Amino acid sequence: MLADSCLLEDLQRFAYAPNGRPMCLYRDPAYPLRVHLQAPFRDHLLPPNFQAFNASMSAVRESVEWLFNDVVNYFKFIDLKKKKLD
């Protein structure tokens, strides 16, 4: 799905701050690690600052997931997966 979306190519072309630094999306660990796609740190023994980063990003991710859930609930009529095809 990531390859079909051309998201990585678009990020590589357009996702830069005015100062030239790359901007990134926080992703699920299943996707590849790239400059524009970042994920939680993975290791059993992480330094405290890495643990704090993971915890703060997890909280943000949960908030975004709640908002997506709200959108789906408010606009159930556009959920194409639940519609029967004739």
Protein backbone atom coordinates (compact mmCIF):
# COMPACT_ATOMS: atom_id res chain seq x y z
CA MET A 1 0.00 0.00 0.00
CA LEU A 2 2.85 2.40 0.78
CA ALA A 3 4.45 1.81 -2.61
CA ASP A 4 1.12 2.20 -4.44
CA SER A 5 0.40 5.50 -2.69
CA CYS A 6 3.64 7.20 -3.87
CA LEU A 7 3.81 8.76 -0.40
CA LEU A 8 7.55 8.19 0.01
CA GLU A 9 8.32 9.89 -3.30
CA ASP A 10 6.10 12.86 -2.40
CA LEU A 11 7.73 13.16 1.03
CA GLN A 12 11.20 13.08 -0.54
CA ARG A 13 10.23 15.88 -2.91
CA PHE A 14 8.13 18.14 -0.71
CA ALA A 15 8.51 17.41 3.03
CA TYR A 16 11.11 19.97 4.07
CA ALA A 17 10.91 22.83 6.53
CA PRO A 18 11.78 26.34 5.30
CA ASN A 19 15.28 25.89 6.77
CA GLY A 20 15.80 22.74 4.65
CA ARG A 21 15.46 20.18 7.44
CA PRO A 22 13.38 17.13 6.50
CA MET A 23 9.96 16.76 8.09
CA CYS A 24 8.74 13.29 8.97
CA LEU A 25 5.67 11.24 9.73
CA TYR A 26 5.49 9.03 12.77
CA ARG A 27 4.69 5.57 11.49
CA ASP A 28 3.74 2.10 12.50
CA PRO A 29 6.82 -0.11 13.02
CA ALA A 30 5.67 -2.32 10.13
CA TYR A 31 6.67 0.34 7.59
CA PRO A 32 10.30 0.88 6.52
CA LEU A 33 12.44 3.32 8.45
CA ARG A 34 13.29 6.33 6.28
CA VAL A 35 14.29 9.96 6.82
CA HIS A 36 10.65 11.00 6.35
CA LEU A 37 9.15 7.99 8.17
CA GLN A 38 10.09 7.58 11.82
CA ALA A 39 9.04 4.97 14.39
CA PRO A 40 9.43 4.22 18.09
CA PHE A 41 12.83 3.17 19.37
CA ARG A 42 13.04 -0.61 19.78
CA ASP A 43 15.24 -2.19 22.37
CA HIS A 44 14.80 -3.75 25.76
CA LEU A 45 17.26 -1.41 27.46
CA LEU A 46 16.54 2.11 26.24
CA PRO A 47 18.06 5.20 27.83
CA PRO A 48 15.55 7.37 29.72
CA ASN A 49 15.37 10.02 26.97
CA PHE A 50 14.45 7.35 24.37
CA GLN A 51 11.83 5.93 26.74
CA ALA A 52 10.39 9.43 27.22
CA PHE A 53 10.25 9.96 23.45
CA ASN A 54 8.41 6.66 22.94
CA ALA A 55 5.94 7.48 25.73
CA SER A 56 5.20 10.97 24.42
CA MET A 57 4.74 9.80 20.84
CA SER A 58 2.50 6.96 22.01
CA ALA A 59 0.24 9.45 23.76
CA VAL A 60 0.02 11.58 20.61
CA ARG A 61 -0.68 8.53 18.46
CA GLU A 62 -3.53 7.48 20.76
CA SER A 63 -5.10 10.94 20.51
CA VAL A 64 -4.98 10.80 16.72
CA GLU A 65 -6.52 7.33 16.72
CA TRP A 66 -9.38 8.60 18.90
CA LEU A 67 -10.01 11.43 16.44
CA PHE A 68 -10.08 9.02 13.49
CA ASN A 69 -12.55 6.90 15.43
CA ASP A 70 -14.74 9.98 16.01
CA VAL A 71 -14.71 10.81 12.30
CA VAL A 72 -15.72 7.27 11.38
CA ASN A 73 -18.53 7.35 13.95
CA TYR A 74 -19.84 10.75 12.85
CA PHE A 75 -19.79 9.86 9.17
CA LYS A 76 -20.81 6.21 9.13
CA PHE A 77 -22.75 6.76 5.91
CA ILE A 78 -19.48 7.12 3.97
CA ASP A 79 -17.96 3.87 5.23
CA LEU A 80 -17.80 1.99 1.94
CA LYS A 81 -16.66 -1.24 3.58
CA LYS A 82 -20.05 -1.62 5.27
CA LYS A 83 -22.15 -0.91 2.17
CA LYS A 84 -23.42 -3.83 0.15
CA LEU A 85 -22.55 -3.85 -3.49
CA ASP A 86 -25.46 -4.76 -5.76
